Amino acid sequence: MYDKVNGDGFGNEISPTYNRIWLVEFSRIADILSKYPGIKGTKYDLNTLPKMKKMYKSYPNIVIDRDYVPKNGDTGRTGDPLYVFEDGLHQKILLTGYEATGDMDILKYYNICFPESKNGVFGFLDIEDPKKTMSLLQKAAEEEFVHKKSVYLADYGN
């Protein structure tokens, strides 16, 4: 992870969908490891590593027009709008990313990808506290998804 994930939190791909594979697979490994007693919250928990937190926080940085991630690289037709996260596993990854980082932009991006969740409709069933999660998503929806500062992704696609 340290040699292949760049400083912006992306793998060494230019395509957002290929970079998603990096996040999905590392998140799966982190989830599996967290099931072992005594791992969660320790230095062995992948979600506590700075590179993993960067990976979780990377996608909100490339959202365009408060709506989608642009297709570039090897992702379909360049320029078409794209929602990189589209299924239940991805919902879990974004929520785990918020838990690991506390970054409200991840929840705002979650609301873009899964707008029905603000009303308590989730695509997967293992949410510990659905009412609390729904409340968090509603709070995030009240804030406009705007980049508060310019984000310079010098390593993206490198």
Protein backbone atom coordinates (compact mmCIF):
# COMPACT_ATOMS: atom_id res chain seq x y z
CA MET A 1 0.00 0.00 0.00
CA TYR A 2 2.73 2.46 0.92
CA ASP A 3 4.54 2.12 -2.42
CA LYS A 4 1.52 1.97 -4.72
CA VAL A 5 -1.05 4.35 -3.23
CA ASN A 6 -0.03 7.92 -3.96
CA GLY A 7 -0.15 10.97 -1.72
CA ASP A 8 -3.62 11.91 -2.99
CA GLY A 9 -5.08 8.57 -1.91
CA PHE A 10 -5.39 7.00 -5.35
CA GLY A 11 -3.73 3.92 -6.76
CA ASN A 12 -1.46 4.22 -9.76
CA GLU A 13 -4.34 4.43 -12.26
CA ILE A 14 -5.82 7.44 -14.04
CA SER A 15 -9.27 5.85 -14.27
CA PRO A 16 -11.59 6.50 -11.29
CA THR A 17 -13.13 3.04 -11.64
CA TYR A 18 -9.77 1.28 -11.62
CA ASN A 19 -8.74 3.35 -8.61
CA ARG A 20 -11.97 2.28 -6.92
CA ILE A 21 -10.65 -1.30 -7.05
CA TRP A 22 -7.76 -0.26 -4.80
CA LEU A 23 -10.10 1.23 -2.23
CA VAL A 24 -12.60 -1.65 -2.40
CA GLU A 25 -9.98 -4.36 -1.95
CA PHE A 26 -8.06 -2.63 0.85
CA SER A 27 -11.36 -1.86 2.57
CA ARG A 28 -12.36 -5.53 2.34
CA ILE A 29 -9.05 -6.57 3.89
CA ALA A 30 -9.52 -3.99 6.66
CA ASP A 31 -13.03 -5.29 7.30
CA ILE A 32 -11.83 -8.90 7.52
CA LEU A 33 -8.94 -8.00 9.84
CA SER A 34 -11.24 -5.94 12.07
CA LYS A 35 -13.19 -9.10 12.90
CA TYR A 36 -10.21 -10.54 14.78
CA PRO A 37 -10.34 -9.76 18.51
CA GLY A 38 -8.14 -6.86 19.54
CA ILE A 39 -7.42 -5.52 16.02
CA LYS A 40 -9.99 -2.72 15.69
CA GLY A 41 -8.51 0.64 16.64
CA THR A 42 -4.93 -0.65 16.99
CA LYS A 43 -1.95 -0.05 14.72
CA TYR A 44 -2.92 -3.29 12.93
CA ASP A 45 -6.29 -1.86 11.89
CA LEU A 46 -5.84 -0.72 8.28
CA ASN A 47 -8.48 1.98 8.77
CA THR A 48 -6.14 3.79 11.18
CA LEU A 49 -3.34 4.10 8.58
CA PRO A 50 -2.88 7.55 6.99
CA LYS A 51 -2.80 6.11 3.44
CA MET A 52 -6.08 4.29 4.01
CA LYS A 53 -7.70 7.45 5.33
CA LYS A 54 -6.44 9.30 2.24
CA MET A 55 -8.01 6.63 0.05
CA TYR A 56 -11.38 7.09 1.75
CA LYS A 57 -11.14 10.87 1.39
CA SER A 58 -9.96 10.85 -2.24
CA TYR A 59 -13.21 10.61 -4.23
CA PRO A 60 -15.01 13.70 -2.88
CA ASN A 61 -12.02 15.67 -4.23
CA ILE A 62 -12.82 14.80 -7.84
CA VAL A 63 -16.59 15.39 -7.77
CA ILE A 64 -17.65 17.78 -10.51
CA ASP A 65 -20.71 20.04 -10.42
CA ARG A 66 -21.83 18.62 -7.03
CA ASP A 67 -22.95 15.51 -8.85
CA TYR A 68 -20.57 13.09 -10.55
CA VAL A 69 -17.00 11.96 -11.07
CA PRO A 70 -15.70 12.60 -14.60
CA LYS A 71 -14.76 9.64 -16.74
CA ASN A 72 -11.16 9.76 -17.75
CA GLY A 73 -8.42 7.31 -18.50
CA ASP A 74 -9.84 3.90 -19.34
CA THR A 75 -13.38 4.48 -18.02
CA GLY A 76 -15.95 4.23 -20.79
CA ARG A 77 -16.41 7.33 -22.91
CA THR A 78 -14.40 10.24 -21.56
CA GLY A 79 -16.59 13.12 -20.42
CA ASP A 80 -19.76 11.18 -19.56
CA PRO A 81 -20.95 11.55 -15.95
CA LEU A 82 -20.15 8.63 -13.67
CA TYR A 83 -21.13 7.47 -10.22
CA VAL A 84 -18.16 5.38 -9.11
CA PHE A 85 -19.92 3.84 -6.11
CA GLU A 86 -23.16 2.10 -7.03
CA ASP A 87 -23.90 -0.98 -4.91
CA GLY A 88 -24.33 -2.09 -1.29
CA LEU A 89 -20.67 -2.93 -0.77
CA HIS A 90 -19.77 0.58 -1.86
CA GLN A 91 -22.27 2.01 0.61
CA LYS A 92 -20.50 0.18 3.39
CA ILE A 93 -17.09 1.38 2.19
CA LEU A 94 -18.15 5.02 2.18
CA LEU A 95 -19.71 4.75 5.64
CA THR A 96 -16.57 3.01 6.94
CA GLY A 97 -14.54 5.82 5.40
CA TYR A 98 -16.57 8.37 7.32
CA GLU A 99 -16.13 6.40 10.55
CA ALA A 100 -12.37 6.20 9.98
CA THR A 101 -11.87 9.85 9.07
CA GLY A 102 -14.82 11.88 10.36
CA ASP A 103 -14.80 13.70 7.00
CA MET A 104 -18.30 15.02 6.29
CA ASP A 105 -17.48 15.31 2.56
CA ILE A 106 -17.54 11.50 2.38
CA LEU A 107 -21.15 11.55 3.63
CA LYS A 108 -22.01 14.27 1.15
CA TYR A 109 -20.57 12.13 -1.64
CA TYR A 110 -22.49 9.15 -0.22
CA ASN A 111 -25.69 11.18 -0.55
CA ILE A 112 -24.90 11.85 -4.21
CA CYS A 113 -24.42 8.15 -4.92
CA PHE A 114 -27.22 6.83 -2.70
CA PRO A 115 -29.82 9.60 -2.21
CA GLU A 116 -32.49 7.20 -0.90
CA SER A 117 -30.42 6.49 2.23
CA LYS A 118 -31.29 9.90 3.69
CA ASN A 119 -34.79 8.46 4.12
CA GLY A 120 -33.57 5.28 5.80
CA VAL A 121 -33.51 3.05 2.71
CA PHE A 122 -30.15 1.25 2.70
CA GLY A 123 -28.88 -1.23 0.16
CA PHE A 124 -27.28 -3.52 2.73
CA LEU A 125 -28.46 -4.79 6.08
CA ASP A 126 -25.51 -4.71 8.46
CA ILE A 127 -25.87 -1.13 9.67
CA GLU A 128 -25.57 -1.15 13.44
CA ASP A 129 -27.75 1.90 14.03
CA PRO A 130 -29.85 2.81 10.95
CA LYS A 131 -31.54 5.80 12.65
CA LYS A 132 -28.19 7.32 13.64
CA THR A 133 -26.81 6.75 10.13
CA MET A 134 -29.91 8.28 8.55
CA SER A 135 -29.58 11.29 10.86
CA LEU A 136 -25.91 11.74 9.90
CA LEU A 137 -26.78 11.57 6.20
CA GLN A 138 -29.59 14.09 6.63
CA LYS A 139 -27.20 16.43 8.44
CA ALA A 140 -24.68 16.06 5.61
CA ALA A 141 -27.43 16.74 3.05
CA GLU A 142 -28.20 20.07 4.71
CA GLU A 143 -24.70 21.28 3.92
CA GLU A 144 -23.97 22.10 0.31
CA PHE A 145 -21.33 19.94 -1.38
CA VAL A 146 -18.80 22.60 -2.28
CA HIS A 147 -15.05 22.33 -2.24
CA LYS A 148 -14.04 24.82 0.43
CA LYS A 149 -10.60 25.15 -1.06
CA SER A 150 -8.83 24.22 -4.24
CA VAL A 151 -7.55 20.65 -4.20
CA TYR A 152 -4.28 20.04 -5.97
CA LEU A 153 -4.05 16.36 -6.88
CA ALA A 154 -0.44 16.33 -8.02
CA ASP A 155 -0.07 12.56 -7.73
CA TYR A 156 -3.41 11.54 -9.32
CA GLY A 157 -2.83 9.01 -12.10
CA ASN A 158 0.87 8.85 -11.42
